[in-house]
Amino acid sequence: MDRRSFINLVGLGAIASSLPVALAACSSKETTQVAAKPASEFKSMGTLAELDKKGFLLNKETQGSPVLVVRDVSDASKVIAVNPTCSHEKCIVDWAGDRKAFECACHGAKFSATGELVKGQRLRR
């Protein structure tokens, strides 16, 4: 094989191997976009003033599961929303803001603000 044929084969191989990449880059992909929910689907749970006064906002009437909103213990300028259903007895846990913990009135378990078990029994699965 002469040098010219070798260079042609190498060049053809380089073009052939980069063809899938070029096709993928130039193809028009349809992107999946998630439409934002209209504001009419959001439900107000209360104001920040009510949150600061009570220490929490609880809505048991939501579709699906209840929602409990509290101030983030690591950054008070943020709020967090959690499902307050205890995994053990299915009770609604209370927010003890002074202790920065969720407490289950049904069986006395206590959970940290991040959801870790502090005292009580974890549900065995």
N, C-alpha and C. Protein backbone atom coordinates (compact mmCIF):
# COMPACT_ATOMS: atom_id res chain seq x y z
N MET A 1 0.85 -1.16 0.00
CA MET A 1 0.00 0.00 0.00
C MET A 1 0.90 1.23 0.00
N ASP A 2 0.57 2.14 -0.87
CA ASP A 2 1.38 3.36 -0.93
C ASP A 2 0.88 4.39 0.08
N ARG A 3 1.67 5.41 0.26
CA ARG A 3 1.39 6.43 1.27
C ARG A 3 0.07 7.14 1.00
N ARG A 4 -0.24 7.43 -0.24
CA ARG A 4 -1.46 8.13 -0.59
C ARG A 4 -2.70 7.31 -0.21
N SER A 5 -2.72 6.03 -0.47
CA SER A 5 -3.83 5.15 -0.13
C SER A 5 -3.99 5.06 1.39
N PHE A 6 -2.86 4.97 2.10
CA PHE A 6 -2.89 4.90 3.56
C PHE A 6 -3.51 6.16 4.15
N ILE A 7 -3.10 7.33 3.69
CA ILE A 7 -3.63 8.60 4.20
C ILE A 7 -5.12 8.71 3.86
N ASN A 8 -5.53 8.26 2.68
CA ASN A 8 -6.95 8.28 2.32
C ASN A 8 -7.77 7.39 3.25
N LEU A 9 -7.25 6.19 3.58
CA LEU A 9 -7.96 5.29 4.47
C LEU A 9 -8.07 5.86 5.89
N VAL A 10 -6.98 6.45 6.37
CA VAL A 10 -7.00 7.05 7.70
C VAL A 10 -7.98 8.22 7.73
N GLY A 11 -7.97 9.05 6.72
CA GLY A 11 -8.89 10.19 6.64
C GLY A 11 -10.33 9.73 6.57
N LEU A 12 -10.59 8.71 5.76
CA LEU A 12 -11.94 8.17 5.64
C LEU A 12 -12.40 7.57 6.97
N GLY A 13 -11.49 6.89 7.67
CA GLY A 13 -11.81 6.31 8.99
C GLY A 13 -12.13 7.40 10.00
N ALA A 14 -11.36 8.49 9.97
CA ALA A 14 -11.61 9.59 10.91
C ALA A 14 -12.96 10.23 10.64
N ILE A 15 -13.29 10.41 9.38
CA ILE A 15 -14.58 11.01 9.03
C ILE A 15 -15.72 10.07 9.43
N ALA A 16 -15.55 8.77 9.14
CA ALA A 16 -16.59 7.80 9.46
C ALA A 16 -16.81 7.68 10.97
N SER A 17 -15.73 7.75 11.74
CA SER A 17 -15.89 7.62 13.20
C SER A 17 -16.48 8.87 13.83
N SER A 18 -16.33 10.03 13.22
CA SER A 18 -16.90 11.25 13.79
C SER A 18 -18.30 11.54 13.26
N LEU A 19 -18.77 10.77 12.29
CA LEU A 19 -20.09 10.98 11.72
C LEU A 19 -21.21 10.83 12.75
N PRO A 20 -21.22 9.79 13.61
CA PRO A 20 -22.30 9.71 14.60
C PRO A 20 -22.34 10.90 15.55
N VAL A 21 -21.15 11.40 15.93
CA VAL A 21 -21.10 12.55 16.82
C VAL A 21 -21.67 13.79 16.12
N ALA A 22 -21.31 13.98 14.87
CA ALA A 22 -21.81 15.13 14.11
C ALA A 22 -23.31 15.04 13.91
N LEU A 23 -23.82 13.84 13.63
CA LEU A 23 -25.27 13.68 13.45
C LEU A 23 -26.01 13.95 14.76
N ALA A 24 -25.47 13.46 15.86
CA ALA A 24 -26.11 13.68 17.15
C ALA A 24 -26.13 15.16 17.51
N ALA A 25 -25.06 15.86 17.21
CA ALA A 25 -24.98 17.28 17.55
C ALA A 25 -25.90 18.12 16.68
N CYS A 26 -26.09 17.71 15.44
CA CYS A 26 -26.90 18.50 14.52
C CYS A 26 -28.36 18.10 14.49
N SER A 27 -28.68 16.96 15.06
CA SER A 27 -30.08 16.52 15.02
C SER A 27 -30.91 17.39 15.93
N SER A 28 -32.15 17.57 15.54
CA SER A 28 -33.05 18.38 16.38
C SER A 28 -33.75 17.46 17.35
N LYS A 29 -33.36 17.56 18.62
CA LYS A 29 -33.99 16.76 19.66
C LYS A 29 -35.18 17.52 20.21
N GLU A 30 -36.23 16.78 20.47
CA GLU A 30 -37.36 17.39 21.15
C GLU A 30 -37.09 17.30 22.64
N THR A 31 -37.07 18.42 23.29
CA THR A 31 -36.82 18.42 24.72
C THR A 31 -38.14 18.33 25.47
N THR A 32 -38.11 17.59 26.54
CA THR A 32 -39.30 17.46 27.37
C THR A 32 -39.32 18.63 28.35
N GLN A 33 -40.37 19.39 28.29
CA GLN A 33 -40.50 20.52 29.19
C GLN A 33 -41.69 20.29 30.09
N VAL A 34 -41.50 20.57 31.34
CA VAL A 34 -42.59 20.43 32.29
C VAL A 34 -43.24 21.80 32.46
N ALA A 35 -44.51 21.82 32.21
CA ALA A 35 -45.22 23.08 32.33
C ALA A 35 -45.42 23.42 33.80
N ALA A 36 -45.24 24.66 34.13
CA ALA A 36 -45.45 25.11 35.51
C ALA A 36 -46.95 25.08 35.81
N LYS A 37 -47.26 24.74 37.04
CA LYS A 37 -48.66 24.72 37.43
C LYS A 37 -49.19 26.15 37.51
N PRO A 38 -50.39 26.37 37.08
CA PRO A 38 -50.95 27.71 37.21
C PRO A 38 -51.08 28.09 38.68
N ALA A 39 -50.97 29.35 38.95
CA ALA A 39 -51.03 29.85 40.32
C ALA A 39 -52.35 29.48 41.00
N SER A 40 -53.39 29.26 40.21
CA SER A 40 -54.69 28.92 40.80
C SER A 40 -54.66 27.55 41.48
N GLU A 41 -53.67 26.67 41.16
CA GLU A 41 -53.58 25.35 41.77
C GLU A 41 -52.85 25.38 43.11
N PHE A 42 -52.17 26.47 43.43
CA PHE A 42 -51.48 26.58 44.71
C PHE A 42 -52.48 27.02 45.77
N LYS A 43 -52.30 26.48 46.95
CA LYS A 43 -53.17 26.85 48.07
C LYS A 43 -52.36 27.60 49.11
N SER A 44 -52.88 28.69 49.58
CA SER A 44 -52.23 29.46 50.62
C SER A 44 -52.41 28.75 51.96
N MET A 45 -51.32 28.66 52.71
CA MET A 45 -51.38 28.05 54.03
C MET A 45 -51.37 29.10 55.12
N GLY A 46 -50.96 30.30 54.76
CA GLY A 46 -50.88 31.37 55.73
C GLY A 46 -49.80 32.35 55.33
N THR A 47 -49.55 33.30 56.21
CA THR A 47 -48.55 34.31 55.94
C THR A 47 -47.31 34.03 56.78
N LEU A 48 -46.22 34.72 56.45
CA LEU A 48 -45.00 34.59 57.24
C LEU A 48 -45.22 35.12 58.66
N ALA A 49 -46.07 36.12 58.79
CA ALA A 49 -46.37 36.63 60.13
C ALA A 49 -47.07 35.56 60.98
N GLU A 50 -48.00 34.81 60.36
CA GLU A 50 -48.66 33.72 61.08
C GLU A 50 -47.67 32.60 61.41
N LEU A 51 -46.76 32.33 60.49
CA LEU A 51 -45.73 31.31 60.73
C LEU A 51 -44.86 31.71 61.91
N ASP A 52 -44.46 32.97 61.96
CA ASP A 52 -43.61 33.44 63.06
C ASP A 52 -44.37 33.46 64.39
N LYS A 53 -45.66 33.77 64.35
CA LYS A 53 -46.45 33.82 65.58
C LYS A 53 -46.67 32.41 66.15
N LYS A 54 -47.10 31.47 65.29
CA LYS A 54 -47.41 30.12 65.75
C LYS A 54 -46.18 29.21 65.78
N GLY A 55 -45.18 29.51 64.94
CA GLY A 55 -44.00 28.66 64.85
C GLY A 55 -44.10 27.61 63.76
N PHE A 56 -45.30 27.40 63.23
CA PHE A 56 -45.53 26.43 62.16
C PHE A 56 -46.85 26.74 61.48
N LEU A 57 -47.02 26.19 60.29
CA LEU A 57 -48.30 26.23 59.59
C LEU A 57 -48.62 24.79 59.20
N LEU A 58 -49.81 24.33 59.48
CA LEU A 58 -50.21 22.96 59.19
C LEU A 58 -51.47 22.97 58.34
N ASN A 59 -51.44 22.20 57.25
CA ASN A 59 -52.62 22.05 56.41
C ASN A 59 -52.88 20.56 56.25
N LYS A 60 -53.93 20.07 56.88
CA LYS A 60 -54.30 18.65 56.79
C LYS A 60 -55.22 18.39 55.60
N GLU A 61 -55.68 19.44 54.95
CA GLU A 61 -56.70 19.33 53.90
C GLU A 61 -56.11 19.29 52.48
N THR A 62 -54.82 19.03 52.33
CA THR A 62 -54.23 19.01 50.99
C THR A 62 -54.54 17.69 50.30
N GLN A 63 -54.44 17.70 48.97
CA GLN A 63 -54.61 16.46 48.22
C GLN A 63 -53.39 15.58 48.50
N GLY A 64 -53.61 14.34 48.82
CA GLY A 64 -52.49 13.45 49.10
C GLY A 64 -52.21 13.39 50.58
N SER A 65 -51.20 14.11 51.02
CA SER A 65 -50.81 14.05 52.42
C SER A 65 -50.79 15.45 53.02
N PRO A 66 -50.85 15.55 54.36
CA PRO A 66 -50.80 16.86 55.00
C PRO A 66 -49.44 17.53 54.80
N VAL A 67 -49.41 18.83 55.02
CA VAL A 67 -48.17 19.61 54.86
C VAL A 67 -47.96 20.46 56.10
N LEU A 68 -46.73 20.40 56.63
CA LEU A 68 -46.33 21.21 57.78
C LEU A 68 -45.19 22.10 57.33
N VAL A 69 -45.33 23.40 57.54
CA VAL A 69 -44.31 24.37 57.15
C VAL A 69 -43.70 24.97 58.41
N VAL A 70 -42.37 24.98 58.49
CA VAL A 70 -41.63 25.57 59.62
C VAL A 70 -40.45 26.36 59.07
N ARG A 71 -39.87 27.18 59.92
CA ARG A 71 -38.64 27.88 59.55
C ARG A 71 -37.49 26.89 59.54
N ASP A 72 -36.58 27.04 58.59
CA ASP A 72 -35.38 26.20 58.52
C ASP A 72 -34.49 26.54 59.72
N VAL A 73 -34.11 25.53 60.52
CA VAL A 73 -33.34 25.80 61.73
C VAL A 73 -31.92 26.26 61.43
N SER A 74 -31.40 25.95 60.25
CA SER A 74 -30.04 26.37 59.91
C SER A 74 -30.02 27.74 59.24
N ASP A 75 -31.16 28.19 58.69
CA ASP A 75 -31.24 29.49 58.04
C ASP A 75 -32.67 30.01 58.19
N ALA A 76 -32.89 30.88 59.14
CA ALA A 76 -34.24 31.36 59.48
C ALA A 76 -34.89 32.17 58.36
N SER A 77 -34.13 32.54 57.34
CA SER A 77 -34.74 33.27 56.23
C SER A 77 -35.43 32.31 55.26
N LYS A 78 -35.29 30.99 55.49
CA LYS A 78 -35.92 29.99 54.63
C LYS A 78 -36.97 29.22 55.40
N VAL A 79 -37.91 28.65 54.66
CA VAL A 79 -38.91 27.78 55.26
C VAL A 79 -38.79 26.40 54.63
N ILE A 80 -39.22 25.38 55.36
CA ILE A 80 -39.25 24.04 54.82
C ILE A 80 -40.65 23.48 54.98
N ALA A 81 -41.06 22.67 54.04
CA ALA A 81 -42.36 22.02 54.09
C ALA A 81 -42.13 20.52 54.13
N VAL A 82 -42.80 19.85 55.06
CA VAL A 82 -42.63 18.41 55.23
C VAL A 82 -43.98 17.73 55.32
N ASN A 83 -43.97 16.44 55.08
CA ASN A 83 -45.13 15.61 55.34
C ASN A 83 -45.03 15.21 56.81
N PRO A 84 -45.93 15.68 57.66
CA PRO A 84 -45.79 15.46 59.10
C PRO A 84 -46.38 14.14 59.60
N THR A 85 -46.62 13.18 58.73
CA THR A 85 -47.20 11.91 59.12
C THR A 85 -46.12 11.01 59.70
N CYS A 86 -46.30 10.57 60.93
CA CYS A 86 -45.36 9.66 61.60
C CYS A 86 -45.40 8.31 60.89
N SER A 87 -44.25 7.76 60.62
CA SER A 87 -44.18 6.48 59.91
C SER A 87 -44.56 5.30 60.80
N HIS A 88 -44.62 5.50 62.10
CA HIS A 88 -44.90 4.40 63.02
C HIS A 88 -46.39 4.23 63.27
N GLU A 89 -47.05 5.29 63.72
CA GLU A 89 -48.47 5.21 64.07
C GLU A 89 -49.38 5.98 63.10
N LYS A 90 -48.78 6.64 62.11
CA LYS A 90 -49.52 7.44 61.13
C LYS A 90 -50.20 8.65 61.74
N CYS A 91 -49.71 9.10 62.89
CA CYS A 91 -50.22 10.32 63.53
C CYS A 91 -49.55 11.53 62.88
N ILE A 92 -50.12 12.68 63.10
CA ILE A 92 -49.51 13.93 62.65
C ILE A 92 -48.56 14.40 63.75
N VAL A 93 -47.29 14.57 63.42
CA VAL A 93 -46.31 15.01 64.41
C VAL A 93 -46.46 16.50 64.64
N ASP A 94 -46.05 16.94 65.81
CA ASP A 94 -46.09 18.37 66.18
C ASP A 94 -44.69 18.93 66.03
N TRP A 95 -44.60 20.23 65.76
CA TRP A 95 -43.31 20.92 65.70
C TRP A 95 -43.08 21.60 67.04
N ALA A 96 -42.01 21.20 67.72
CA ALA A 96 -41.62 21.84 68.98
C ALA A 96 -40.49 22.80 68.65
N GLY A 97 -40.84 24.03 68.34
CA GLY A 97 -39.86 25.01 67.88
C GLY A 97 -38.78 25.32 68.90
N ASP A 98 -39.15 25.31 70.19
CA ASP A 98 -38.15 25.60 71.23
C ASP A 98 -37.10 24.50 71.31
N ARG A 99 -37.48 23.27 70.96
CA ARG A 99 -36.52 22.15 70.98
C ARG A 99 -36.02 21.82 69.58
N LYS A 100 -36.56 22.52 68.57
CA LYS A 100 -36.20 22.32 67.17
C LYS A 100 -36.32 20.85 66.78
N ALA A 101 -37.51 20.30 67.08
CA ALA A 101 -37.74 18.88 66.81
C ALA A 101 -39.20 18.63 66.48
N PHE A 102 -39.44 17.55 65.74
CA PHE A 102 -40.78 17.06 65.49
C PHE A 102 -41.07 16.01 66.56
N GLU A 103 -42.27 16.06 67.16
CA GLU A 103 -42.62 15.13 68.23
C GLU A 103 -43.94 14.46 67.91
N CYS A 104 -43.96 13.13 68.08
CA CYS A 104 -45.18 12.37 67.84
C CYS A 104 -45.93 12.19 69.16
N ALA A 105 -47.14 12.73 69.22
CA ALA A 105 -47.93 12.63 70.45
C ALA A 105 -48.46 11.21 70.67
N CYS A 106 -48.52 10.40 69.63
CA CYS A 106 -49.07 9.04 69.76
C CYS A 106 -48.12 8.10 70.50
N HIS A 107 -46.83 8.18 70.23
CA HIS A 107 -45.91 7.23 70.88
C HIS A 107 -44.63 7.88 71.41
N GLY A 108 -44.57 9.20 71.42
CA GLY A 108 -43.47 9.89 72.08
C GLY A 108 -42.17 9.97 71.32
N ALA A 109 -42.14 9.56 70.07
CA ALA A 109 -40.89 9.66 69.30
C ALA A 109 -40.58 11.12 69.01
N LYS A 110 -39.28 11.42 68.93
CA LYS A 110 -38.83 12.77 68.60
C LYS A 110 -37.88 12.66 67.41
N PHE A 111 -38.04 13.58 66.47
CA PHE A 111 -37.22 13.62 65.27
C PHE A 111 -36.58 14.99 65.16
N SER A 112 -35.33 15.03 64.72
CA SER A 112 -34.65 16.32 64.54
C SER A 112 -35.29 17.08 63.39
N ALA A 113 -34.90 18.31 63.22
CA ALA A 113 -35.43 19.13 62.14
C ALA A 113 -35.09 18.56 60.77
N THR A 114 -34.06 17.70 60.70
CA THR A 114 -33.69 17.07 59.43
C THR A 114 -34.35 15.70 59.26
N GLY A 115 -35.17 15.28 60.24
CA GLY A 115 -35.90 14.03 60.12
C GLY A 115 -35.24 12.83 60.76
N GLU A 116 -34.10 13.02 61.41
CA GLU A 116 -33.41 11.90 62.06
C GLU A 116 -34.06 11.59 63.40
N LEU A 117 -34.15 10.29 63.73
CA LEU A 117 -34.73 9.87 64.99
C LEU A 117 -33.84 10.31 66.15
N VAL A 118 -34.41 11.03 67.11
CA VAL A 118 -33.68 11.48 68.29
C VAL A 118 -34.04 10.60 69.48
N LYS A 119 -35.33 10.28 69.62
CA LYS A 119 -35.79 9.46 70.74
C LYS A 119 -37.02 8.67 70.28
N GLY A 120 -37.08 7.42 70.68
CA GLY A 120 -38.24 6.62 70.34
C GLY A 120 -37.88 5.44 69.48
N GLN A 121 -38.85 4.98 68.75
CA GLN A 121 -38.67 3.77 67.96
C GLN A 121 -38.87 4.08 66.50
N ARG A 122 -37.93 3.61 65.69
CA ARG A 122 -38.06 3.77 64.24
C ARG A 122 -38.89 2.61 63.70
N LEU A 123 -39.69 2.88 62.72
CA LEU A 123 -40.50 1.85 62.10
C LEU A 123 -39.61 0.82 61.44
N ARG A 124 -39.82 -0.43 61.76
CA ARG A 124 -39.05 -1.50 61.12
C ARG A 124 -39.78 -1.92 59.86
N ARG A 125 -39.03 -2.03 58.77
CA ARG A 125 -39.66 -2.41 57.49
C ARG A 125 -39.25 -3.80 57.10
